[in-house]
Amino acid sequence: MYERYTEKARRVLFFARYEASVSGTPSIDGRHLLLGLMREDPKVVKLILKSPSPLAAIRKEIELGFHPAEKISTSVDLPFGEEAKLALHYAAEESQQLEHDSIGGGHLLLGLLRAGKSAAEILRQHGAELEEARKQVALLAAGMTTAATPPPDPSAPVAARPATEFSREDLRRLIDQLPQSKWDIVDQLLELLTGKE
């Protein structure tokens, strides 16, 4: 059932199960999926929120919505509730509509928004909108800069740019200061990072 899920999305499901166990809930609902996403893939959650609220404050808000209950052992296989099942179904649909081969955290987030229940309400309270989120997930999957993120400044010093924006030449300039004996290791690393030989 989870063959198309990325490793990160599978970990989101694992953490959702953990969150349900800790909160003493007999099934995994959308709020647990959202908590799992916030724990495993906070970047994608922050990407679609327009609210400046930190994720810790949103987490607290979600946790306050759970009724106090005794924790359930994490070895118990908790079922998905209706909201979570619907979100997983919608996540698969979103992945197909965007013509993506796998289902990732962004698709799970879109599924939660489409499910329109407790997790979607929380996301909407913090500025998430389905259409904008869909655009951001598509851009993220394409490895492009999002509309909310300005393009990198090419005149910025190499060391001041994020690692994802380094070119092979930038990396070579940075390692020029390394002793000769380390160059073979660096060349191998560069080949792995850039996929070029």
C-alpha atoms as a PDB file:
ATOM      1  CA  MET A   1       0.000   0.000   0.000  1.00  0.00           C
ATOM      2  CA  TYR A   2       2.852   2.395   0.766  1.00  0.00           C
ATOM      3  CA  GLU A   3       5.146   1.507  -2.147  1.00  0.00           C
ATOM      4  CA  ARG A   4       4.763   4.943  -3.731  1.00  0.00           C
ATOM      5  CA  TYR A   5       5.467   6.777  -0.480  1.00  0.00           C
ATOM      6  CA  THR A   6       8.862   8.398  -0.097  1.00  0.00           C
ATOM      7  CA  GLU A   7      10.966   7.429   2.887  1.00  0.00           C
ATOM      8  CA  LYS A   8      10.176  10.786   4.460  1.00  0.00           C
ATOM      9  CA  ALA A   9       6.421  10.281   3.958  1.00  0.00           C
ATOM     10  CA  ARG A  10       6.672   6.842   5.564  1.00  0.00           C
ATOM     11  CA  ARG A  11       8.389   8.420   8.545  1.00  0.00           C
ATOM     12  CA  VAL A  12       5.552  10.963   8.717  1.00  0.00           C
ATOM     13  CA  LEU A  13       3.125   8.034   9.060  1.00  0.00           C
ATOM     14  CA  PHE A  14       5.353   6.461  11.698  1.00  0.00           C
ATOM     15  CA  PHE A  15       5.420   9.692  13.713  1.00  0.00           C
ATOM     16  CA  ALA A  16       1.653  10.125  13.261  1.00  0.00           C
ATOM     17  CA  ARG A  17       1.186   6.695  14.841  1.00  0.00           C
ATOM     18  CA  TYR A  18       3.558   7.704  17.637  1.00  0.00           C
ATOM     19  CA  GLU A  19       1.674  10.975  18.236  1.00  0.00           C
ATOM     20  CA  ALA A  20      -1.630   9.085  18.422  1.00  0.00           C
ATOM     21  CA  SER A  21      -0.128   6.650  20.941  1.00  0.00           C
ATOM     22  CA  VAL A  22       1.255   9.441  23.107  1.00  0.00           C
ATOM     23  CA  SER A  23      -2.054  11.318  23.072  1.00  0.00           C
ATOM     24  CA  GLY A  24      -3.938   8.136  23.990  1.00  0.00           C
ATOM     25  CA  THR A  25      -6.118   8.272  20.893  1.00  0.00           C
ATOM     26  CA  PRO A  26      -7.426   4.900  19.638  1.00  0.00           C
ATOM     27  CA  SER A  27      -6.897   5.863  15.986  1.00  0.00           C
ATOM     28  CA  ILE A  28      -4.696   8.132  13.872  1.00  0.00           C
ATOM     29  CA  ASP A  29      -6.534  11.246  12.760  1.00  0.00           C
ATOM     30  CA  GLY A  30      -5.549  14.213  10.616  1.00  0.00           C
ATOM     31  CA  ARG A  31      -4.092  16.132  13.545  1.00  0.00           C
ATOM     32  CA  HIS A  32      -1.691  13.249  14.174  1.00  0.00           C
ATOM     33  CA  LEU A  33      -0.675  13.291  10.500  1.00  0.00           C
ATOM     34  CA  LEU A  34      -0.072  17.036  10.771  1.00  0.00           C
ATOM     35  CA  LEU A  35       2.045  16.531  13.904  1.00  0.00           C
ATOM     36  CA  GLY A  36       3.986  13.820  12.056  1.00  0.00           C
ATOM     37  CA  LEU A  37       4.559  16.205   9.155  1.00  0.00           C
ATOM     38  CA  MET A  38       5.682  18.970  11.485  1.00  0.00           C
ATOM     39  CA  ARG A  39       8.154  16.603  13.113  1.00  0.00           C
ATOM     40  CA  GLU A  40       9.540  14.939   9.977  1.00  0.00           C
ATOM     41  CA  ASP A  41       9.128  17.562   7.250  1.00  0.00           C
ATOM     42  CA  PRO A  42       8.778  21.010   8.862  1.00  0.00           C
ATOM     43  CA  LYS A  43      10.098  22.715   5.727  1.00  0.00           C
ATOM     44  CA  VAL A  44       7.057  21.751   3.678  1.00  0.00           C
ATOM     45  CA  VAL A  45       4.665  22.811   6.454  1.00  0.00           C
ATOM     46  CA  LYS A  46       6.345  26.212   6.850  1.00  0.00           C
ATOM     47  CA  LEU A  47       6.306  26.628   3.090  1.00  0.00           C
ATOM     48  CA  ILE A  48       2.516  26.770   2.878  1.00  0.00           C
ATOM     49  CA  LEU A  49       1.762  28.680   6.069  1.00  0.00           C
ATOM     50  CA  LYS A  50       1.371  32.433   5.756  1.00  0.00           C
ATOM     51  CA  SER A  51       1.189  32.892   9.504  1.00  0.00           C
ATOM     52  CA  PRO A  52       4.357  33.851  11.344  1.00  0.00           C
ATOM     53  CA  SER A  53       3.369  31.415  14.111  1.00  0.00           C
ATOM     54  CA  PRO A  54       6.221  29.077  14.994  1.00  0.00           C
ATOM     55  CA  LEU A  55       5.539  25.386  14.521  1.00  0.00           C
ATOM     56  CA  ALA A  56       5.971  24.852  18.276  1.00  0.00           C
ATOM     57  CA  ALA A  57       2.975  27.128  18.932  1.00  0.00           C
ATOM     58  CA  ILE A  58       0.892  25.259  16.348  1.00  0.00           C
ATOM     59  CA  ARG A  59       1.952  21.937  17.906  1.00  0.00           C
ATOM     60  CA  LYS A  60       0.831  23.205  21.328  1.00  0.00           C
ATOM     61  CA  GLU A  61      -2.499  24.299  19.839  1.00  0.00           C
ATOM     62  CA  ILE A  62      -3.052  20.820  18.389  1.00  0.00           C
ATOM     63  CA  GLU A  63      -2.031  19.038  21.596  1.00  0.00           C
ATOM     64  CA  LEU A  64      -4.445  21.162  23.643  1.00  0.00           C
ATOM     65  CA  GLY A  65      -7.260  19.828  21.439  1.00  0.00           C
ATOM     66  CA  PHE A  66      -6.713  16.245  22.606  1.00  0.00           C
ATOM     67  CA  HIS A  67      -8.663  15.022  25.598  1.00  0.00           C
ATOM     68  CA  PRO A  68      -6.379  13.807  28.374  1.00  0.00           C
ATOM     69  CA  ALA A  69      -6.086  10.042  28.100  1.00  0.00           C
ATOM     70  CA  GLU A  70      -3.721   7.302  29.107  1.00  0.00           C
ATOM     71  CA  LYS A  71      -0.921   6.712  26.638  1.00  0.00           C
ATOM     72  CA  ILE A  72      -1.244   3.705  24.390  1.00  0.00           C
ATOM     73  CA  SER A  73       1.735   1.430  23.897  1.00  0.00           C
ATOM     74  CA  THR A  74       3.581   2.215  20.682  1.00  0.00           C
ATOM     75  CA  SER A  75       3.576  -1.512  19.911  1.00  0.00           C
ATOM     76  CA  VAL A  76      -0.214  -1.357  19.381  1.00  0.00           C
ATOM     77  CA  ASP A  77      -1.060  -1.074  15.686  1.00  0.00           C
ATOM     78  CA  LEU A  78      -3.445   1.882  15.643  1.00  0.00           C
ATOM     79  CA  PRO A  79      -5.805   2.162  12.662  1.00  0.00           C
ATOM     80  CA  PHE A  80      -6.221   5.282  10.563  1.00  0.00           C
ATOM     81  CA  GLY A  81      -9.365   7.266  11.336  1.00  0.00           C
ATOM     82  CA  GLU A  82     -11.695   8.539   8.621  1.00  0.00           C
ATOM     83  CA  GLU A  83      -9.970  11.916   8.278  1.00  0.00           C
ATOM     84  CA  ALA A  84      -6.535  10.315   7.947  1.00  0.00           C
ATOM     85  CA  LYS A  85      -7.794   7.744   5.418  1.00  0.00           C
ATOM     86  CA  LEU A  86      -9.356  10.515   3.374  1.00  0.00           C
ATOM     87  CA  ALA A  87      -6.144  12.586   3.569  1.00  0.00           C
ATOM     88  CA  LEU A  88      -4.054   9.600   2.393  1.00  0.00           C
ATOM     89  CA  HIS A  89      -6.467   9.019  -0.499  1.00  0.00           C
ATOM     90  CA  TYR A  90      -6.315  12.681  -1.492  1.00  0.00           C
ATOM     91  CA  ALA A  91      -2.517  12.682  -1.165  1.00  0.00           C
ATOM     92  CA  ALA A  92      -2.355   9.891  -3.756  1.00  0.00           C
ATOM     93  CA  GLU A  93      -4.707  11.849  -6.032  1.00  0.00           C
ATOM     94  CA  GLU A  94      -2.603  15.004  -5.670  1.00  0.00           C
ATOM     95  CA  SER A  95       0.530  13.080  -6.555  1.00  0.00           C
ATOM     96  CA  GLN A  96      -1.152  11.741  -9.700  1.00  0.00           C
ATOM     97  CA  GLN A  97      -2.569  15.139 -10.691  1.00  0.00           C
ATOM     98  CA  LEU A  98       0.868  16.698 -10.356  1.00  0.00           C
ATOM     99  CA  GLU A  99       2.300  13.770 -12.348  1.00  0.00           C
ATOM    100  CA  HIS A 100       4.731  12.824  -9.583  1.00  0.00           C
ATOM    101  CA  ASP A 101       6.020   9.277  -9.295  1.00  0.00           C
ATOM    102  CA  SER A 102       5.917   9.182  -5.520  1.00  0.00           C
ATOM    103  CA  ILE A 103       3.872  10.496  -2.616  1.00  0.00           C
ATOM    104  CA  GLY A 104       5.815  12.834  -0.350  1.00  0.00           C
ATOM    105  CA  GLY A 105       5.201  15.105   2.595  1.00  0.00           C
ATOM    106  CA  GLY A 106       3.842  17.864   0.385  1.00  0.00           C
ATOM    107  CA  HIS A 107       1.223  15.529  -1.038  1.00  0.00           C
ATOM    108  CA  LEU A 108       0.230  14.472   2.483  1.00  0.00           C
ATOM    109  CA  LEU A 109      -0.194  18.127   3.376  1.00  0.00           C
ATOM    110  CA  LEU A 110      -2.373  18.697   0.317  1.00  0.00           C
ATOM    111  CA  GLY A 111      -4.396  15.639   1.293  1.00  0.00           C
ATOM    112  CA  LEU A 112      -4.963  17.076   4.763  1.00  0.00           C
ATOM    113  CA  LEU A 113      -6.114  20.379   3.285  1.00  0.00           C
ATOM    114  CA  ARG A 114      -8.503  18.625   0.923  1.00  0.00           C
ATOM    115  CA  ALA A 115      -9.906  16.402   3.671  1.00  0.00           C
ATOM    116  CA  GLY A 116     -11.254  19.624   5.171  1.00  0.00           C
ATOM    117  CA  LYS A 117     -11.516  18.498   8.772  1.00  0.00           C
ATOM    118  CA  SER A 118      -9.624  19.292  11.986  1.00  0.00           C
ATOM    119  CA  ALA A 119      -6.102  19.418  10.524  1.00  0.00           C
ATOM    120  CA  ALA A 120      -7.294  21.495   7.552  1.00  0.00           C
ATOM    121  CA  GLU A 121      -8.981  23.961   9.902  1.00  0.00           C
ATOM    122  CA  ILE A 122      -5.741  24.405  11.835  1.00  0.00           C
ATOM    123  CA  LEU A 123      -3.756  24.876   8.624  1.00  0.00           C
ATOM    124  CA  ARG A 124      -6.280  27.400   7.288  1.00  0.00           C
ATOM    125  CA  GLN A 125      -6.216  29.350  10.566  1.00  0.00           C
ATOM    126  CA  HIS A 126      -2.520  29.825   9.919  1.00  0.00           C
ATOM    127  CA  GLY A 127      -2.951  30.998   6.339  1.00  0.00           C
ATOM    128  CA  ALA A 128      -2.722  27.802   4.288  1.00  0.00           C
ATOM    129  CA  GLU A 129      -4.748  27.755   1.076  1.00  0.00           C
ATOM    130  CA  LEU A 130      -5.126  24.654  -1.085  1.00  0.00           C
ATOM    131  CA  GLU A 131      -4.355  26.216  -4.470  1.00  0.00           C
ATOM    132  CA  GLU A 132      -1.311  28.113  -3.232  1.00  0.00           C
ATOM    133  CA  ALA A 133      -0.104  25.008  -1.367  1.00  0.00           C
ATOM    134  CA  ARG A 134      -0.478  22.960  -4.552  1.00  0.00           C
ATOM    135  CA  LYS A 135       1.689  25.462  -6.453  1.00  0.00           C
ATOM    136  CA  GLN A 136       4.327  25.420  -3.724  1.00  0.00           C
ATOM    137  CA  VAL A 137       4.424  21.601  -3.621  1.00  0.00           C
ATOM    138  CA  ALA A 138       4.792  21.464  -7.408  1.00  0.00           C
ATOM    139  CA  LEU A 139       7.660  23.976  -7.268  1.00  0.00           C
ATOM    140  CA  LEU A 140       9.290  22.145  -4.377  1.00  0.00           C
ATOM    141  CA  ALA A 141       9.110  18.824  -6.220  1.00  0.00           C
ATOM    142  CA  ALA A 142      10.620  20.454  -9.304  1.00  0.00           C
ATOM    143  CA  GLY A 143      13.481  21.740  -7.157  1.00  0.00           C
ATOM    144  CA  MET A 144      12.672  25.312  -8.039  1.00  0.00           C
ATOM    145  CA  THR A 145      12.733  28.394  -5.870  1.00  0.00           C
ATOM    146  CA  THR A 146       9.310  29.143  -4.434  1.00  0.00           C
ATOM    147  CA  ALA A 147       7.552  32.407  -5.027  1.00  0.00           C
ATOM    148  CA  ALA A 148       8.055  33.281  -1.355  1.00  0.00           C
ATOM    149  CA  THR A 149      11.825  32.780  -1.585  1.00  0.00           C
ATOM    150  CA  PRO A 150      13.866  35.334  -3.505  1.00  0.00           C
ATOM    151  CA  PRO A 151      16.321  33.960  -6.051  1.00  0.00           C
ATOM    152  CA  PRO A 152      19.932  33.689  -4.865  1.00  0.00           C
ATOM    153  CA  ASP A 153      22.148  36.704  -5.258  1.00  0.00           C
ATOM    154  CA  PRO A 154      24.883  35.668  -7.720  1.00  0.00           C
ATOM    155  CA  SER A 155      27.151  38.420  -6.394  1.00  0.00           C
ATOM    156  CA  ALA A 156      27.027  37.002  -2.850  1.00  0.00           C
ATOM    157  CA  PRO A 157      30.253  35.415  -1.648  1.00  0.00           C
ATOM    158  CA  VAL A 158      30.283  31.664  -2.200  1.00  0.00           C
ATOM    159  CA  ALA A 159      30.459  30.872   1.518  1.00  0.00           C
ATOM    160  CA  ALA A 160      27.379  33.050   2.187  1.00  0.00           C
ATOM    161  CA  ARG A 161      25.110  31.045  -0.129  1.00  0.00           C
ATOM    162  CA  PRO A 162      23.162  27.942   0.917  1.00  0.00           C
ATOM    163  CA  ALA A 163      24.870  24.656   0.016  1.00  0.00           C
ATOM    164  CA  THR A 164      22.138  23.816  -2.495  1.00  0.00           C
ATOM    165  CA  GLU A 165      23.192  26.777  -4.611  1.00  0.00           C
ATOM    166  CA  PHE A 166      26.869  25.835  -4.931  1.00  0.00           C
ATOM    167  CA  SER A 167      28.108  24.983  -8.364  1.00  0.00           C
ATOM    168  CA  ARG A 168      30.961  22.552  -8.893  1.00  0.00           C
ATOM    169  CA  GLU A 169      33.264  25.516  -9.535  1.00  0.00           C
ATOM    170  CA  ASP A 170      32.148  27.218  -6.314  1.00  0.00           C
ATOM    171  CA  LEU A 171      32.996  24.081  -4.368  1.00  0.00           C
ATOM    172  CA  ARG A 172      36.367  23.816  -6.100  1.00  0.00           C
ATOM    173  CA  ARG A 173      37.234  27.380  -5.051  1.00  0.00           C
ATOM    174  CA  LEU A 174      36.308  26.563  -1.465  1.00  0.00           C
ATOM    175  CA  ILE A 175      38.532  23.495  -1.389  1.00  0.00           C
ATOM    176  CA  ASP A 176      41.522  25.185  -2.975  1.00  0.00           C
ATOM    177  CA  GLN A 177      42.701  25.875   0.534  1.00  0.00           C
ATOM    178  CA  LEU A 178      42.717  22.175   1.466  1.00  0.00           C
ATOM    179  CA  PRO A 179      46.004  20.291   1.467  1.00  0.00           C
ATOM    180  CA  GLN A 180      46.757  18.312  -1.707  1.00  0.00           C
ATOM    181  CA  SER A 181      46.345  14.985   0.128  1.00  0.00           C
ATOM    182  CA  LYS A 182      42.610  15.674   0.641  1.00  0.00           C
ATOM    183  CA  TRP A 183      41.729  16.465  -2.988  1.00  0.00           C
ATOM    184  CA  ASP A 184      40.974  12.887  -4.026  1.00  0.00           C
ATOM    185  CA  ILE A 185      38.377  12.591  -1.282  1.00  0.00           C
ATOM    186  CA  VAL A 186      36.860  15.934  -2.208  1.00  0.00           C
ATOM    187  CA  ASP A 187      36.717  14.988  -5.903  1.00  0.00           C
ATOM    188  CA  GLN A 188      34.865  11.797  -5.019  1.00  0.00           C
ATOM    189  CA  LEU A 189      32.457  13.785  -2.865  1.00  0.00           C
ATOM    190  CA  LEU A 190      31.882  16.286  -5.652  1.00  0.00           C
ATOM    191  CA  GLU A 191      31.099  13.490  -8.084  1.00  0.00           C
ATOM    192  CA  LEU A 192      28.567  12.050  -5.671  1.00  0.00           C
ATOM    193  CA  LEU A 193      26.929  15.417  -4.986  1.00  0.00           C
ATOM    194  CA  THR A 194      26.763  16.609  -8.560  1.00  0.00           C
ATOM    195  CA  GLY A 195      26.211  13.282 -10.271  1.00  0.00           C
ATOM    196  CA  LYS A 196      28.968  14.184 -12.738  1.00  0.00           C
ATOM    197  CA  GLU A 197      32.251  12.480 -13.452  1.00  0.00           C
END
